[in-house]
Amino acid sequence: MDFLARLGFDSVRGALINAFGVLALYGVWKAIYRIWLARWFSLLGNLPGPKRTSLFWGNIRERFNAGPGEMHEQWVKQYGHTFLKVISQTRRLTTFDPKALAYVLNHSAQWQKPEITRSFLADLFGKGVLFAEGEAHKRQRRVMNPSFAISHVRELTNVFHEKSQQVFVSVFS
């Protein structure tokens, strides 16, 4: 019992102080690991990429301050088609390589969007076929595919033709 008393567990207050101390040490360790050590333990650590300009924001400020696509174009010229960038302390693999993109798109179940991105897109656009992933996406496509059969599309040809003529007349008259 003397051993526990020396560690501060003889009272509720001491136990709480120790618990908060352990949590604080864990938080410091996670911050150190995430900011400095993760790149050495990551398989992606040797990939080139822009240096983070902010400890907290990473490279996101540069992207927002530049015009659409300017930073990515500059980074592709500087680092090649595949590189790492940092967004809010999270390292992100970015690729513009056509073969890699084809692989990712054909094996989409293995390459899902980050949770924060999925949540944002779901709030903005809903969980429709364009933004759903995994089984939900497969289920939605299975339901929709019969509508895109050749016979169904042929039936709609006249509708598309009529509407395109209406648009043409309204724009050019």
C-alpha atoms as a PDB file:
ATOM      1  CA  MET A   1       0.000   0.000   0.000  1.00  0.00           C
ATOM      2  CA  ASP A   2       2.909   2.342   0.673  1.00  0.00           C
ATOM      3  CA  PHE A   3       3.990   1.888  -2.946  1.00  0.00           C
ATOM      4  CA  LEU A   4       0.605   3.125  -4.239  1.00  0.00           C
ATOM      5  CA  ALA A   5       0.636   6.017  -1.786  1.00  0.00           C
ATOM      6  CA  ARG A   6       4.050   7.139  -3.083  1.00  0.00           C
ATOM      7  CA  LEU A   7       2.634   7.172  -6.644  1.00  0.00           C
ATOM      8  CA  GLY A   8      -0.218   9.425  -5.564  1.00  0.00           C
ATOM      9  CA  PHE A   9      -2.982   6.823  -5.637  1.00  0.00           C
ATOM     10  CA  ASP A  10      -3.926   7.282  -1.986  1.00  0.00           C
ATOM     11  CA  SER A  11      -6.703   9.678  -2.947  1.00  0.00           C
ATOM     12  CA  VAL A  12      -9.078  10.376  -5.808  1.00  0.00           C
ATOM     13  CA  ARG A  13      -7.297  13.671  -6.423  1.00  0.00           C
ATOM     14  CA  GLY A  14      -3.954  11.924  -6.813  1.00  0.00           C
ATOM     15  CA  ALA A  15      -5.432   9.351  -9.182  1.00  0.00           C
ATOM     16  CA  LEU A  16      -6.943  12.113 -11.344  1.00  0.00           C
ATOM     17  CA  ILE A  17      -3.652  14.012 -11.440  1.00  0.00           C
ATOM     18  CA  ASN A  18      -1.854  10.849 -12.538  1.00  0.00           C
ATOM     19  CA  ALA A  19      -4.499  10.099 -15.179  1.00  0.00           C
ATOM     20  CA  PHE A  20      -4.233  13.609 -16.650  1.00  0.00           C
ATOM     21  CA  GLY A  21      -0.447  13.351 -16.567  1.00  0.00           C
ATOM     22  CA  VAL A  22      -0.542  10.105 -18.546  1.00  0.00           C
ATOM     23  CA  LEU A  23      -2.976  11.636 -21.057  1.00  0.00           C
ATOM     24  CA  ALA A  24      -0.755  14.710 -21.440  1.00  0.00           C
ATOM     25  CA  LEU A  25       2.327  12.544 -22.045  1.00  0.00           C
ATOM     26  CA  TYR A  26       0.386  10.498 -24.596  1.00  0.00           C
ATOM     27  CA  GLY A  27      -0.705  13.692 -26.389  1.00  0.00           C
ATOM     28  CA  VAL A  28       2.873  14.991 -26.489  1.00  0.00           C
ATOM     29  CA  TRP A  29       4.099  11.637 -27.816  1.00  0.00           C
ATOM     30  CA  LYS A  30       1.434  11.584 -30.561  1.00  0.00           C
ATOM     31  CA  ALA A  31       2.340  15.139 -31.598  1.00  0.00           C
ATOM     32  CA  ILE A  32       6.070  14.354 -31.738  1.00  0.00           C
ATOM     33  CA  TYR A  33       5.426  11.138 -33.643  1.00  0.00           C
ATOM     34  CA  ARG A  34       3.058  12.746 -36.123  1.00  0.00           C
ATOM     35  CA  ILE A  35       5.181  15.812 -36.815  1.00  0.00           C
ATOM     36  CA  TRP A  36       8.727  14.423 -36.791  1.00  0.00           C
ATOM     37  CA  LEU A  37       8.917  10.624 -36.547  1.00  0.00           C
ATOM     38  CA  ALA A  38       6.122   9.376 -38.833  1.00  0.00           C
ATOM     39  CA  ARG A  39       8.044  10.117 -42.028  1.00  0.00           C
ATOM     40  CA  TRP A  40      10.876   7.772 -41.003  1.00  0.00           C
ATOM     41  CA  PHE A  41       8.544   4.888 -40.151  1.00  0.00           C
ATOM     42  CA  SER A  42       6.313   5.324 -43.215  1.00  0.00           C
ATOM     43  CA  LEU A  43       6.761   3.403 -46.452  1.00  0.00           C
ATOM     44  CA  LEU A  44       6.070   6.705 -48.202  1.00  0.00           C
ATOM     45  CA  GLY A  45       8.858   8.524 -46.364  1.00  0.00           C
ATOM     46  CA  ASN A  46      11.221   8.551 -49.343  1.00  0.00           C
ATOM     47  CA  LEU A  47       8.763  10.150 -51.759  1.00  0.00           C
ATOM     48  CA  PRO A  48       9.490  13.758 -52.685  1.00  0.00           C
ATOM     49  CA  GLY A  49       7.081  16.552 -51.975  1.00  0.00           C
ATOM     50  CA  PRO A  50       6.795  20.164 -50.933  1.00  0.00           C
ATOM     51  CA  LYS A  51       8.018  21.119 -47.486  1.00  0.00           C
ATOM     52  CA  ARG A  52       5.275  22.065 -45.089  1.00  0.00           C
ATOM     53  CA  THR A  53       5.005  25.825 -44.775  1.00  0.00           C
ATOM     54  CA  SER A  54       3.064  25.708 -41.517  1.00  0.00           C
ATOM     55  CA  LEU A  55       3.387  23.303 -38.611  1.00  0.00           C
ATOM     56  CA  PHE A  56      -0.392  23.111 -38.226  1.00  0.00           C
ATOM     57  CA  TRP A  57      -1.747  23.806 -41.740  1.00  0.00           C
ATOM     58  CA  GLY A  58       0.914  22.017 -43.784  1.00  0.00           C
ATOM     59  CA  ASN A  59       0.658  22.997 -47.474  1.00  0.00           C
ATOM     60  CA  ILE A  60      -3.023  23.890 -47.542  1.00  0.00           C
ATOM     61  CA  ARG A  61      -2.515  27.673 -47.353  1.00  0.00           C
ATOM     62  CA  GLU A  62      -0.324  27.641 -50.466  1.00  0.00           C
ATOM     63  CA  ARG A  63      -3.018  25.764 -52.364  1.00  0.00           C
ATOM     64  CA  PHE A  64      -5.775  28.184 -51.365  1.00  0.00           C
ATOM     65  CA  ASN A  65      -3.683  31.296 -52.064  1.00  0.00           C
ATOM     66  CA  ALA A  66      -2.777  30.116 -55.581  1.00  0.00           C
ATOM     67  CA  GLY A  67      -5.164  29.874 -58.507  1.00  0.00           C
ATOM     68  CA  PRO A  68      -7.027  26.649 -59.276  1.00  0.00           C
ATOM     69  CA  GLY A  69      -4.540  23.896 -60.059  1.00  0.00           C
ATOM     70  CA  GLU A  70      -1.484  26.188 -60.041  1.00  0.00           C
ATOM     71  CA  MET A  71       0.233  24.602 -57.031  1.00  0.00           C
ATOM     72  CA  HIS A  72      -0.413  21.059 -58.239  1.00  0.00           C
ATOM     73  CA  GLU A  73       0.977  21.952 -61.665  1.00  0.00           C
ATOM     74  CA  GLN A  74       4.077  23.472 -60.071  1.00  0.00           C
ATOM     75  CA  TRP A  75       4.532  20.465 -57.770  1.00  0.00           C
ATOM     76  CA  VAL A  76       4.199  18.010 -60.671  1.00  0.00           C
ATOM     77  CA  LYS A  77       6.938  19.899 -62.549  1.00  0.00           C
ATOM     78  CA  GLN A  78       9.136  19.990 -59.452  1.00  0.00           C
ATOM     79  CA  TYR A  79       8.518  16.544 -57.857  1.00  0.00           C
ATOM     80  CA  GLY A  80       7.101  14.366 -60.640  1.00  0.00           C
ATOM     81  CA  HIS A  81       3.697  12.739 -61.068  1.00  0.00           C
ATOM     82  CA  THR A  82       3.597  11.185 -57.572  1.00  0.00           C
ATOM     83  CA  PHE A  83       4.461  13.128 -54.420  1.00  0.00           C
ATOM     84  CA  LEU A  84       3.508  13.695 -50.790  1.00  0.00           C
ATOM     85  CA  LYS A  85       1.828  16.816 -49.489  1.00  0.00           C
ATOM     86  CA  VAL A  86       0.790  17.736 -45.952  1.00  0.00           C
ATOM     87  CA  ILE A  87      -2.728  18.917 -45.154  1.00  0.00           C
ATOM     88  CA  SER A  88      -3.431  19.810 -41.522  1.00  0.00           C
ATOM     89  CA  GLN A  89      -0.706  17.519 -40.170  1.00  0.00           C
ATOM     90  CA  THR A  90      -1.856  14.607 -42.357  1.00  0.00           C
ATOM     91  CA  ARG A  91       0.462  13.380 -45.079  1.00  0.00           C
ATOM     92  CA  ARG A  92      -1.391  12.697 -48.337  1.00  0.00           C
ATOM     93  CA  LEU A  93      -0.138  10.726 -51.310  1.00  0.00           C
ATOM     94  CA  THR A  94      -0.979  12.558 -54.532  1.00  0.00           C
ATOM     95  CA  THR A  95      -0.551  11.071 -57.989  1.00  0.00           C
ATOM     96  CA  PHE A  96      -1.223  12.257 -61.515  1.00  0.00           C
ATOM     97  CA  ASP A  97       0.203   9.097 -63.097  1.00  0.00           C
ATOM     98  CA  PRO A  98      -2.408   7.673 -65.526  1.00  0.00           C
ATOM     99  CA  LYS A  99      -1.576   4.027 -64.743  1.00  0.00           C
ATOM    100  CA  ALA A 100      -1.794   4.597 -60.992  1.00  0.00           C
ATOM    101  CA  LEU A 101      -5.074   6.502 -61.362  1.00  0.00           C
ATOM    102  CA  ALA A 102      -6.531   3.717 -63.534  1.00  0.00           C
ATOM    103  CA  TYR A 103      -5.554   1.147 -60.898  1.00  0.00           C
ATOM    104  CA  VAL A 104      -7.104   3.197 -58.089  1.00  0.00           C
ATOM    105  CA  LEU A 105     -10.333   3.733 -60.029  1.00  0.00           C
ATOM    106  CA  ASN A 106     -10.587   0.032 -60.933  1.00  0.00           C
ATOM    107  CA  HIS A 107      -9.928  -1.066 -57.339  1.00  0.00           C
ATOM    108  CA  SER A 108     -11.915   1.646 -55.573  1.00  0.00           C
ATOM    109  CA  ALA A 109     -12.815  -0.564 -52.595  1.00  0.00           C
ATOM    110  CA  GLN A 110      -9.134  -0.553 -51.558  1.00  0.00           C
ATOM    111  CA  TRP A 111      -8.739   3.214 -52.009  1.00  0.00           C
ATOM    112  CA  GLN A 112     -11.469   4.990 -50.115  1.00  0.00           C
ATOM    113  CA  LYS A 113     -11.520   8.701 -49.412  1.00  0.00           C
ATOM    114  CA  PRO A 114     -10.454   9.925 -45.952  1.00  0.00           C
ATOM    115  CA  GLU A 115     -13.306  10.036 -43.416  1.00  0.00           C
ATOM    116  CA  ILE A 116     -13.391  13.836 -43.245  1.00  0.00           C
ATOM    117  CA  THR A 117     -13.681  14.049 -47.050  1.00  0.00           C
ATOM    118  CA  ARG A 118     -16.445  11.426 -47.144  1.00  0.00           C
ATOM    119  CA  SER A 119     -18.360  13.261 -44.434  1.00  0.00           C
ATOM    120  CA  PHE A 120     -17.999  16.623 -46.206  1.00  0.00           C
ATOM    121  CA  LEU A 121     -19.126  15.237 -49.576  1.00  0.00           C
ATOM    122  CA  ALA A 122     -22.066  13.389 -48.000  1.00  0.00           C
ATOM    123  CA  ASP A 123     -23.224  16.578 -46.273  1.00  0.00           C
ATOM    124  CA  LEU A 124     -22.804  18.631 -49.439  1.00  0.00           C
ATOM    125  CA  PHE A 125     -24.145  16.254 -52.116  1.00  0.00           C
ATOM    126  CA  GLY A 126     -25.773  13.363 -50.272  1.00  0.00           C
ATOM    127  CA  LYS A 127     -24.787   9.711 -50.463  1.00  0.00           C
ATOM    128  CA  GLY A 128     -25.641   9.238 -54.137  1.00  0.00           C
ATOM    129  CA  VAL A 129     -23.901   6.954 -56.607  1.00  0.00           C
ATOM    130  CA  LEU A 130     -21.177   9.513 -57.395  1.00  0.00           C
ATOM    131  CA  PHE A 131     -20.015   9.807 -53.792  1.00  0.00           C
ATOM    132  CA  ALA A 132     -20.977   6.474 -52.214  1.00  0.00           C
ATOM    133  CA  GLU A 133     -18.232   3.901 -51.676  1.00  0.00           C
ATOM    134  CA  GLY A 134     -17.960   0.176 -51.164  1.00  0.00           C
ATOM    135  CA  GLU A 135     -21.141  -1.886 -50.886  1.00  0.00           C
ATOM    136  CA  ALA A 136     -23.440   1.151 -50.985  1.00  0.00           C
ATOM    137  CA  HIS A 137     -21.962   2.166 -54.352  1.00  0.00           C
ATOM    138  CA  LYS A 138     -22.269  -1.379 -55.743  1.00  0.00           C
ATOM    139  CA  ARG A 139     -25.893  -1.624 -54.608  1.00  0.00           C
ATOM    140  CA  GLN A 140     -26.791   1.725 -56.199  1.00  0.00           C
ATOM    141  CA  ARG A 141     -25.115   0.803 -59.485  1.00  0.00           C
ATOM    142  CA  ARG A 142     -26.884  -2.562 -59.547  1.00  0.00           C
ATOM    143  CA  VAL A 143     -30.224  -0.774 -59.227  1.00  0.00           C
ATOM    144  CA  MET A 144     -29.366   1.848 -61.878  1.00  0.00           C
ATOM    145  CA  ASN A 145     -27.651  -0.306 -64.532  1.00  0.00           C
ATOM    146  CA  PRO A 146     -30.836  -1.670 -66.181  1.00  0.00           C
ATOM    147  CA  SER A 147     -31.860   1.923 -66.950  1.00  0.00           C
ATOM    148  CA  PHE A 148     -28.766   2.340 -69.112  1.00  0.00           C
ATOM    149  CA  ALA A 149     -29.363  -0.733 -71.285  1.00  0.00           C
ATOM    150  CA  ILE A 150     -29.263  -0.044 -75.037  1.00  0.00           C
ATOM    151  CA  SER A 151     -33.023  -0.567 -75.448  1.00  0.00           C
ATOM    152  CA  HIS A 152     -33.838   2.007 -72.753  1.00  0.00           C
ATOM    153  CA  VAL A 153     -31.383   4.552 -74.122  1.00  0.00           C
ATOM    154  CA  ARG A 154     -32.826   4.143 -77.650  1.00  0.00           C
ATOM    155  CA  GLU A 155     -36.294   4.898 -76.276  1.00  0.00           C
ATOM    156  CA  LEU A 156     -34.994   8.207 -74.896  1.00  0.00           C
ATOM    157  CA  THR A 157     -33.249   9.295 -78.107  1.00  0.00           C
ATOM    158  CA  ASN A 158     -36.309  11.196 -79.345  1.00  0.00           C
ATOM    159  CA  VAL A 159     -36.645  13.027 -76.019  1.00  0.00           C
ATOM    160  CA  PHE A 160     -32.985  14.114 -76.121  1.00  0.00           C
ATOM    161  CA  HIS A 161     -33.350  15.180 -79.746  1.00  0.00           C
ATOM    162  CA  GLU A 162     -36.453  17.300 -79.031  1.00  0.00           C
ATOM    163  CA  LYS A 163     -34.957  18.958 -75.953  1.00  0.00           C
ATOM    164  CA  SER A 164     -31.672  19.739 -77.728  1.00  0.00           C
ATOM    165  CA  GLN A 165     -33.629  21.395 -80.557  1.00  0.00           C
ATOM    166  CA  GLN A 166     -35.571  23.478 -78.016  1.00  0.00           C
ATOM    167  CA  VAL A 167     -32.324  24.616 -76.380  1.00  0.00           C
ATOM    168  CA  PHE A 168     -30.798  25.429 -79.778  1.00  0.00           C
ATOM    169  CA  VAL A 169     -33.818  27.500 -80.814  1.00  0.00           C
ATOM    170  CA  SER A 170     -33.941  29.378 -77.499  1.00  0.00           C
ATOM    171  CA  VAL A 171     -30.210  30.167 -77.564  1.00  0.00           C
ATOM    172  CA  PHE A 172     -29.854  31.149 -81.231  1.00  0.00           C
ATOM    173  CA  SER A 173     -33.148  32.912 -81.899  1.00  0.00           C
END
